[in-house]
Amino acid sequence: MRGTLPTALALVMGLAGAENRAYASVQPYVINNDRGGTVSDRLLEIDTLRTTGQPVEIRGQICYSTCTMLLGLPQTCVSPGTVFGFHGPSRSGKRLKPDEFEYYSQLIAEHYPETLRNWYMKKGRKRIRGIYRMSGTEIIRMGVKAC
């Protein structure tokens, strides 16, 4: 019985240490070249990443459209050389009804850091055809961590 408490404490401390090491070794979710996709699919991805806390590294040449919504996750970092592309919400390149446009603009903007959110609502969302391009360096200046 004498060695039971020290043994139990050592076991618990060992398990806690293993848990911390496992968390520290989580592989980052690396975005290489992502042209976007549907808002609904991206929201599912963001929800999973927010829940797990898995680090997100945007390192590719481009991150366009809904890929940019990953910028609002606290565990996201970006490469200064990545080019980010922004545009307003649309349905296959066609304008949405005003109420839908406003709803999806707000939904997208909620996933940006404040400075970027303000820019998007004033300017970025107004382009439906084509994109506004912004460098990773500019995104870093807006408060997103550099990788």
N, C-alpha and C. Protein backbone atom coordinates (compact mmCIF):
# COMPACT_ATOMS: atom_id res chain seq x y z
N MET A 1 0.81 -1.19 0.00
CA MET A 1 0.00 0.00 0.00
C MET A 1 0.85 1.26 0.00
N ARG A 2 2.06 1.16 0.60
CA ARG A 2 2.89 2.34 0.77
C ARG A 2 3.22 2.98 -0.57
N GLY A 3 3.56 2.23 -1.57
CA GLY A 3 3.97 2.78 -2.85
C GLY A 3 2.81 3.12 -3.77
N THR A 4 1.60 2.87 -3.32
CA THR A 4 0.44 3.06 -4.19
C THR A 4 0.23 4.53 -4.56
N LEU A 5 0.24 5.43 -3.60
CA LEU A 5 -0.01 6.85 -3.89
C LEU A 5 1.08 7.44 -4.78
N PRO A 6 2.35 7.25 -4.46
CA PRO A 6 3.38 7.77 -5.37
C PRO A 6 3.29 7.17 -6.76
N THR A 7 2.97 5.88 -6.83
CA THR A 7 2.84 5.23 -8.14
C THR A 7 1.68 5.82 -8.92
N ALA A 8 0.55 6.01 -8.24
CA ALA A 8 -0.63 6.59 -8.89
C ALA A 8 -0.34 8.00 -9.37
N LEU A 9 0.32 8.79 -8.53
CA LEU A 9 0.66 10.17 -8.93
C LEU A 9 1.60 10.17 -10.12
N ALA A 10 2.57 9.29 -10.11
CA ALA A 10 3.51 9.22 -11.24
C ALA A 10 2.77 8.84 -12.52
N LEU A 11 1.83 7.91 -12.40
CA LEU A 11 1.06 7.48 -13.56
C LEU A 11 0.22 8.64 -14.10
N VAL A 12 -0.48 9.35 -13.20
CA VAL A 12 -1.31 10.49 -13.63
C VAL A 12 -0.44 11.57 -14.26
N MET A 13 0.68 11.88 -13.65
CA MET A 13 1.56 12.91 -14.20
C MET A 13 2.10 12.48 -15.56
N GLY A 14 2.40 11.22 -15.69
CA GLY A 14 2.89 10.70 -16.98
C GLY A 14 1.83 10.82 -18.05
N LEU A 15 0.58 10.51 -17.72
CA LEU A 15 -0.51 10.63 -18.69
C LEU A 15 -0.73 12.08 -19.08
N ALA A 16 -0.68 12.98 -18.10
CA ALA A 16 -0.88 14.40 -18.40
C ALA A 16 0.23 14.89 -19.33
N GLY A 17 1.44 14.45 -19.08
CA GLY A 17 2.55 14.84 -19.95
C GLY A 17 2.38 14.30 -21.35
N ALA A 18 1.89 13.07 -21.45
CA ALA A 18 1.67 12.47 -22.77
C ALA A 18 0.61 13.24 -23.53
N GLU A 19 -0.44 13.67 -22.83
CA GLU A 19 -1.50 14.44 -23.48
C GLU A 19 -0.94 15.76 -24.03
N ASN A 20 -0.12 16.44 -23.24
CA ASN A 20 0.47 17.70 -23.70
C ASN A 20 1.39 17.48 -24.90
N ARG A 21 2.17 16.40 -24.87
CA ARG A 21 3.05 16.11 -26.00
C ARG A 21 2.23 15.79 -27.25
N ALA A 22 1.13 15.07 -27.07
CA ALA A 22 0.27 14.72 -28.22
C ALA A 22 -0.32 15.99 -28.82
N TYR A 23 -0.78 16.90 -27.97
CA TYR A 23 -1.37 18.14 -28.48
C TYR A 23 -0.32 18.97 -29.22
N ALA A 24 0.89 19.01 -28.66
CA ALA A 24 1.95 19.80 -29.29
C ALA A 24 2.37 19.22 -30.63
N SER A 25 2.14 17.92 -30.82
CA SER A 25 2.58 17.31 -32.07
C SER A 25 1.49 17.24 -33.13
N VAL A 26 0.35 17.89 -32.90
CA VAL A 26 -0.72 17.89 -33.90
C VAL A 26 -0.19 18.51 -35.18
N GLN A 27 -0.39 17.81 -36.26
CA GLN A 27 0.08 18.31 -37.55
C GLN A 27 -0.81 19.47 -38.00
N PRO A 28 -0.21 20.52 -38.54
CA PRO A 28 -1.03 21.63 -39.03
C PRO A 28 -1.83 21.24 -40.26
N TYR A 29 -2.92 21.90 -40.42
CA TYR A 29 -3.77 21.77 -41.60
C TYR A 29 -3.22 22.78 -42.59
N VAL A 30 -2.54 22.31 -43.63
CA VAL A 30 -1.84 23.20 -44.56
C VAL A 30 -2.68 23.43 -45.81
N ILE A 31 -2.91 24.70 -46.12
CA ILE A 31 -3.62 25.09 -47.33
C ILE A 31 -2.55 25.47 -48.35
N ASN A 32 -2.54 24.77 -49.47
CA ASN A 32 -1.56 25.09 -50.50
C ASN A 32 -2.15 26.02 -51.54
N ASN A 33 -2.99 25.56 -52.39
CA ASN A 33 -3.63 26.41 -53.39
C ASN A 33 -5.12 26.09 -53.35
N ASP A 34 -5.89 27.04 -52.88
CA ASP A 34 -7.32 26.81 -52.66
C ASP A 34 -8.10 27.93 -53.34
N ARG A 35 -8.90 27.56 -54.33
CA ARG A 35 -9.68 28.55 -55.09
C ARG A 35 -11.05 28.82 -54.48
N GLY A 36 -11.38 28.19 -53.37
CA GLY A 36 -12.65 28.46 -52.70
C GLY A 36 -13.61 27.30 -52.80
N GLY A 37 -14.88 27.61 -52.81
CA GLY A 37 -15.93 26.59 -52.83
C GLY A 37 -17.20 27.19 -52.27
N THR A 38 -18.09 26.34 -51.82
CA THR A 38 -19.35 26.86 -51.29
C THR A 38 -19.16 27.33 -49.85
N VAL A 39 -19.94 28.32 -49.48
CA VAL A 39 -19.90 28.84 -48.11
C VAL A 39 -20.29 27.74 -47.13
N SER A 40 -21.30 26.95 -47.47
CA SER A 40 -21.76 25.90 -46.54
C SER A 40 -20.66 24.86 -46.28
N ASP A 41 -19.95 24.44 -47.31
CA ASP A 41 -18.85 23.49 -47.11
C ASP A 41 -17.74 24.10 -46.26
N ARG A 42 -17.43 25.36 -46.52
CA ARG A 42 -16.35 26.02 -45.77
C ARG A 42 -16.74 26.19 -44.31
N LEU A 43 -18.00 26.49 -44.04
CA LEU A 43 -18.45 26.64 -42.66
C LEU A 43 -18.29 25.34 -41.88
N LEU A 44 -18.56 24.21 -42.51
CA LEU A 44 -18.36 22.91 -41.86
C LEU A 44 -16.88 22.70 -41.53
N GLU A 45 -16.03 23.03 -42.48
CA GLU A 45 -14.58 22.89 -42.28
C GLU A 45 -14.11 23.80 -41.13
N ILE A 46 -14.57 25.04 -41.13
CA ILE A 46 -14.19 26.00 -40.09
C ILE A 46 -14.66 25.52 -38.72
N ASP A 47 -15.87 25.01 -38.65
CA ASP A 47 -16.41 24.52 -37.38
C ASP A 47 -15.54 23.39 -36.83
N THR A 48 -15.13 22.47 -37.68
CA THR A 48 -14.26 21.37 -37.26
C THR A 48 -12.92 21.91 -36.77
N LEU A 49 -12.33 22.82 -37.52
CA LEU A 49 -11.02 23.38 -37.13
C LEU A 49 -11.13 24.19 -35.84
N ARG A 50 -12.21 24.91 -35.67
CA ARG A 50 -12.40 25.69 -34.44
C ARG A 50 -12.53 24.74 -33.24
N THR A 51 -13.27 23.65 -33.42
CA THR A 51 -13.48 22.68 -32.34
C THR A 51 -12.19 21.98 -31.95
N THR A 52 -11.41 21.56 -32.94
CA THR A 52 -10.19 20.81 -32.65
C THR A 52 -9.02 21.70 -32.27
N GLY A 53 -9.04 22.96 -32.71
CA GLY A 53 -7.92 23.85 -32.47
C GLY A 53 -6.71 23.53 -33.32
N GLN A 54 -6.87 22.66 -34.31
CA GLN A 54 -5.76 22.29 -35.18
C GLN A 54 -5.18 23.54 -35.84
N PRO A 55 -3.85 23.71 -35.79
CA PRO A 55 -3.24 24.87 -36.45
C PRO A 55 -3.52 24.87 -37.95
N VAL A 56 -3.75 26.05 -38.50
CA VAL A 56 -4.01 26.21 -39.93
C VAL A 56 -2.90 27.07 -40.50
N GLU A 57 -2.25 26.56 -41.54
CA GLU A 57 -1.18 27.31 -42.21
C GLU A 57 -1.57 27.51 -43.66
N ILE A 58 -1.74 28.76 -44.05
CA ILE A 58 -2.06 29.08 -45.44
C ILE A 58 -0.73 29.46 -46.10
N ARG A 59 -0.19 28.53 -46.90
CA ARG A 59 1.16 28.66 -47.43
C ARG A 59 1.24 28.61 -48.95
N GLY A 60 0.18 28.31 -49.62
CA GLY A 60 0.24 28.16 -51.07
C GLY A 60 0.37 29.48 -51.80
N GLN A 61 0.33 29.40 -53.11
CA GLN A 61 0.40 30.62 -53.92
C GLN A 61 -0.89 31.42 -53.82
N ILE A 62 -2.04 30.71 -53.72
CA ILE A 62 -3.33 31.42 -53.69
C ILE A 62 -4.27 30.86 -52.63
N CYS A 63 -5.11 31.74 -52.15
CA CYS A 63 -6.23 31.41 -51.26
C CYS A 63 -7.34 32.37 -51.67
N TYR A 64 -8.28 31.86 -52.46
CA TYR A 64 -9.33 32.70 -53.02
C TYR A 64 -10.69 32.37 -52.43
N SER A 65 -11.58 33.32 -52.52
CA SER A 65 -12.99 33.13 -52.23
C SER A 65 -13.20 32.62 -50.81
N THR A 66 -13.92 31.51 -50.63
CA THR A 66 -14.23 31.05 -49.27
C THR A 66 -12.99 30.58 -48.50
N CYS A 67 -11.90 30.31 -49.18
CA CYS A 67 -10.66 29.97 -48.48
C CYS A 67 -10.28 31.09 -47.51
N THR A 68 -10.57 32.34 -47.89
CA THR A 68 -10.21 33.48 -47.06
C THR A 68 -10.95 33.48 -45.72
N MET A 69 -12.04 32.75 -45.62
CA MET A 69 -12.79 32.69 -44.36
C MET A 69 -11.98 32.01 -43.26
N LEU A 70 -10.95 31.27 -43.61
CA LEU A 70 -10.08 30.64 -42.62
C LEU A 70 -9.25 31.67 -41.86
N LEU A 71 -9.16 32.88 -42.39
CA LEU A 71 -8.34 33.93 -41.76
C LEU A 71 -8.86 34.33 -40.39
N GLY A 72 -10.11 34.07 -40.10
CA GLY A 72 -10.69 34.45 -38.81
C GLY A 72 -10.43 33.47 -37.68
N LEU A 73 -9.88 32.31 -37.99
CA LEU A 73 -9.57 31.35 -36.93
C LEU A 73 -8.34 31.82 -36.17
N PRO A 74 -8.37 31.76 -34.84
CA PRO A 74 -7.22 32.25 -34.06
C PRO A 74 -5.95 31.44 -34.28
N GLN A 75 -6.08 30.22 -34.75
CA GLN A 75 -4.90 29.37 -34.95
C GLN A 75 -4.37 29.42 -36.38
N THR A 76 -4.83 30.38 -37.18
CA THR A 76 -4.40 30.49 -38.57
C THR A 76 -3.17 31.39 -38.68
N CYS A 77 -2.24 30.96 -39.52
CA CYS A 77 -1.12 31.82 -39.91
C CYS A 77 -1.02 31.80 -41.42
N VAL A 78 -0.39 32.83 -41.98
CA VAL A 78 -0.30 32.94 -43.44
C VAL A 78 1.13 33.21 -43.88
N SER A 79 1.42 32.77 -45.08
CA SER A 79 2.71 33.05 -45.70
C SER A 79 2.63 34.44 -46.33
N PRO A 80 3.66 35.26 -46.17
CA PRO A 80 3.64 36.60 -46.78
C PRO A 80 3.47 36.56 -48.29
N GLY A 81 3.90 35.47 -48.93
CA GLY A 81 3.84 35.38 -50.39
C GLY A 81 2.52 34.87 -50.95
N THR A 82 1.63 34.41 -50.10
CA THR A 82 0.34 33.92 -50.59
C THR A 82 -0.50 35.09 -51.07
N VAL A 83 -1.22 34.90 -52.17
CA VAL A 83 -2.13 35.93 -52.68
C VAL A 83 -3.55 35.51 -52.30
N PHE A 84 -4.26 36.43 -51.66
CA PHE A 84 -5.63 36.20 -51.23
C PHE A 84 -6.57 36.92 -52.19
N GLY A 85 -7.65 36.24 -52.56
CA GLY A 85 -8.61 36.81 -53.50
C GLY A 85 -9.99 36.92 -52.88
N PHE A 86 -10.56 38.12 -52.95
CA PHE A 86 -11.86 38.42 -52.34
C PHE A 86 -12.86 38.86 -53.40
N HIS A 87 -14.10 38.48 -53.18
CA HIS A 87 -15.20 38.95 -54.03
C HIS A 87 -16.49 38.84 -53.22
N GLY A 88 -17.52 39.46 -53.72
CA GLY A 88 -18.81 39.39 -53.05
C GLY A 88 -19.50 38.06 -53.27
N PRO A 89 -20.45 37.74 -52.41
CA PRO A 89 -21.18 36.49 -52.57
C PRO A 89 -22.03 36.49 -53.84
N SER A 90 -22.08 35.34 -54.48
CA SER A 90 -22.88 35.21 -55.71
C SER A 90 -23.30 33.75 -55.83
N ARG A 91 -24.13 33.49 -56.78
CA ARG A 91 -24.52 32.12 -57.09
C ARG A 91 -24.01 31.82 -58.48
N SER A 92 -22.92 31.09 -58.55
CA SER A 92 -22.27 30.76 -59.83
C SER A 92 -21.97 32.02 -60.65
N GLY A 93 -21.50 33.06 -59.98
CA GLY A 93 -21.13 34.30 -60.66
C GLY A 93 -22.29 35.24 -60.93
N LYS A 94 -23.49 34.86 -60.52
CA LYS A 94 -24.66 35.72 -60.74
C LYS A 94 -25.02 36.43 -59.44
N ARG A 95 -25.44 37.66 -59.57
CA ARG A 95 -25.82 38.45 -58.39
C ARG A 95 -26.95 37.79 -57.61
N LEU A 96 -26.88 37.97 -56.30
CA LEU A 96 -27.94 37.49 -55.41
C LEU A 96 -28.98 38.60 -55.23
N LYS A 97 -30.13 38.23 -54.74
CA LYS A 97 -31.14 39.22 -54.35
C LYS A 97 -30.53 40.06 -53.23
N PRO A 98 -30.91 41.33 -53.10
CA PRO A 98 -30.30 42.21 -52.08
C PRO A 98 -30.29 41.63 -50.66
N ASP A 99 -31.38 41.01 -50.23
CA ASP A 99 -31.40 40.46 -48.87
C ASP A 99 -30.44 39.28 -48.73
N GLU A 100 -30.33 38.44 -49.75
CA GLU A 100 -29.38 37.32 -49.73
C GLU A 100 -27.95 37.84 -49.77
N PHE A 101 -27.71 38.84 -50.60
CA PHE A 101 -26.38 39.44 -50.71
C PHE A 101 -25.93 39.97 -49.35
N GLU A 102 -26.81 40.66 -48.67
CA GLU A 102 -26.48 41.22 -47.36
C GLU A 102 -26.22 40.10 -46.35
N TYR A 103 -27.08 39.10 -46.34
CA TYR A 103 -26.93 37.98 -45.41
C TYR A 103 -25.58 37.28 -45.61
N TYR A 104 -25.27 36.91 -46.83
CA TYR A 104 -24.03 36.17 -47.09
C TYR A 104 -22.80 37.06 -46.92
N SER A 105 -22.92 38.34 -47.23
CA SER A 105 -21.80 39.26 -46.99
C SER A 105 -21.47 39.29 -45.50
N GLN A 106 -22.49 39.41 -44.67
CA GLN A 106 -22.28 39.43 -43.21
C GLN A 106 -21.70 38.10 -42.72
N LEU A 107 -22.23 37.01 -43.24
CA LEU A 107 -21.77 35.68 -42.84
C LEU A 107 -20.29 35.49 -43.16
N ILE A 108 -19.90 35.88 -44.35
CA ILE A 108 -18.49 35.78 -44.74
C ILE A 108 -17.63 36.70 -43.88
N ALA A 109 -18.07 37.95 -43.73
CA ALA A 109 -17.30 38.95 -42.98
C ALA A 109 -17.09 38.55 -41.52
N GLU A 110 -18.03 37.82 -40.95
CA GLU A 110 -17.89 37.36 -39.56
C GLU A 110 -16.66 36.47 -39.37
N HIS A 111 -16.14 35.95 -40.45
CA HIS A 111 -14.99 35.05 -40.37
C HIS A 111 -13.68 35.75 -40.70
N TYR A 112 -13.66 37.06 -40.62
CA TYR A 112 -12.45 37.84 -40.86
C TYR A 112 -12.07 38.60 -39.60
N PRO A 113 -10.77 38.87 -39.42
CA PRO A 113 -10.37 39.78 -38.35
C PRO A 113 -10.98 41.16 -38.62
N GLU A 114 -11.12 41.97 -37.59
CA GLU A 114 -11.88 43.22 -37.68
C GLU A 114 -11.46 44.15 -38.82
N THR A 115 -10.18 44.40 -38.98
CA THR A 115 -9.73 45.32 -40.04
C THR A 115 -10.12 44.80 -41.41
N LEU A 116 -9.91 43.52 -41.64
CA LEU A 116 -10.27 42.91 -42.92
C LEU A 116 -11.79 42.89 -43.09
N ARG A 117 -12.51 42.62 -42.02
CA ARG A 117 -13.98 42.61 -42.05
C ARG A 117 -14.51 43.98 -42.51
N ASN A 118 -13.97 45.03 -41.94
CA ASN A 118 -14.41 46.39 -42.30
C ASN A 118 -14.13 46.67 -43.78
N TRP A 119 -12.94 46.31 -44.25
CA TRP A 119 -12.61 46.51 -45.66
C TRP A 119 -13.56 45.72 -46.56
N TYR A 120 -13.80 44.47 -46.20
CA TYR A 120 -14.66 43.61 -47.02
C TYR A 120 -16.07 44.20 -47.12
N MET A 121 -16.61 44.66 -46.03
CA MET A 121 -17.98 45.18 -46.05
C MET A 121 -18.06 46.50 -46.82
N LYS A 122 -16.99 47.29 -46.80
CA LYS A 122 -17.00 48.57 -47.53
C LYS A 122 -16.66 48.40 -49.00
N LYS A 123 -15.75 47.48 -49.30
CA LYS A 123 -15.24 47.40 -50.67
C LYS A 123 -15.23 45.99 -51.26
N GLY A 124 -14.65 45.04 -50.56
CA GLY A 124 -14.41 43.70 -51.11
C GLY A 124 -15.63 42.98 -51.61
N ARG A 125 -16.73 43.13 -50.92
CA ARG A 125 -17.95 42.40 -51.30
C ARG A 125 -18.62 42.97 -52.54
N LYS A 126 -18.22 44.14 -52.95
CA LYS A 126 -18.88 44.80 -54.09
C LYS A 126 -18.44 44.26 -55.44
N ARG A 127 -17.36 43.52 -55.47
CA ARG A 127 -16.89 42.95 -56.73
C ARG A 127 -17.48 41.54 -56.87
N ILE A 128 -18.26 41.35 -57.91
CA ILE A 128 -18.87 40.05 -58.17
C ILE A 128 -18.10 39.32 -59.27
N ARG A 129 -17.78 40.02 -60.31
CA ARG A 129 -16.97 39.44 -61.38
C ARG A 129 -15.52 39.82 -61.12
N GLY A 130 -14.66 38.83 -61.11
CA GLY A 130 -13.26 39.10 -60.79
C GLY A 130 -13.06 39.11 -59.28
N ILE A 131 -11.83 39.42 -58.87
CA ILE A 131 -11.49 39.41 -57.45
C ILE A 131 -10.58 40.58 -57.12
N TYR A 132 -10.62 40.97 -55.86
CA TYR A 132 -9.62 41.88 -55.31
C TYR A 132 -8.50 41.00 -54.78
N ARG A 133 -7.28 41.29 -55.15
CA ARG A 133 -6.14 40.51 -54.67
C ARG A 133 -5.42 41.28 -53.56
N MET A 134 -4.95 40.52 -52.59
CA MET A 134 -4.24 41.09 -51.47
C MET A 134 -3.12 40.12 -51.09
N SER A 135 -1.94 40.63 -50.83
CA SER A 135 -0.81 39.76 -50.49
C SER A 135 -0.90 39.30 -49.03
N GLY A 136 -0.21 38.20 -48.76
CA GLY A 136 -0.12 37.74 -47.38
C GLY A 136 0.48 38.80 -46.47
N THR A 137 1.42 39.57 -46.99
CA THR A 137 2.02 40.65 -46.21
C THR A 137 0.95 41.64 -45.77
N GLU A 138 0.04 42.00 -46.67
CA GLU A 138 -1.05 42.91 -46.32
C GLU A 138 -1.98 42.29 -45.28
N ILE A 139 -2.24 41.00 -45.42
CA ILE A 139 -3.11 40.30 -44.47
C ILE A 139 -2.44 40.27 -43.09
N ILE A 140 -1.15 40.06 -43.06
CA ILE A 140 -0.40 40.06 -41.79
C ILE A 140 -0.49 41.44 -41.14
N ARG A 141 -0.39 42.49 -41.92
CA ARG A 141 -0.53 43.86 -41.38
C ARG A 141 -1.91 44.08 -40.76
N MET A 142 -2.89 43.31 -41.22
CA MET A 142 -4.25 43.43 -40.70
C MET A 142 -4.47 42.57 -39.46
N GLY A 143 -3.42 41.92 -38.98
CA GLY A 143 -3.52 41.23 -37.70
C GLY A 143 -3.46 39.72 -37.72
N VAL A 144 -3.34 39.10 -38.90
CA VAL A 144 -3.23 37.64 -38.96
C VAL A 144 -1.76 37.27 -38.77
N LYS A 145 -1.50 36.21 -38.03
CA LYS A 145 -0.12 35.79 -37.75
C LYS A 145 0.59 35.33 -39.02
N ALA A 146 1.88 35.58 -39.07
CA ALA A 146 2.72 35.08 -40.16
C ALA A 146 3.20 33.68 -39.81
N CYS A 147 3.34 32.82 -40.83
CA CYS A 147 3.89 31.47 -40.63
C CYS A 147 5.40 31.55 -40.77
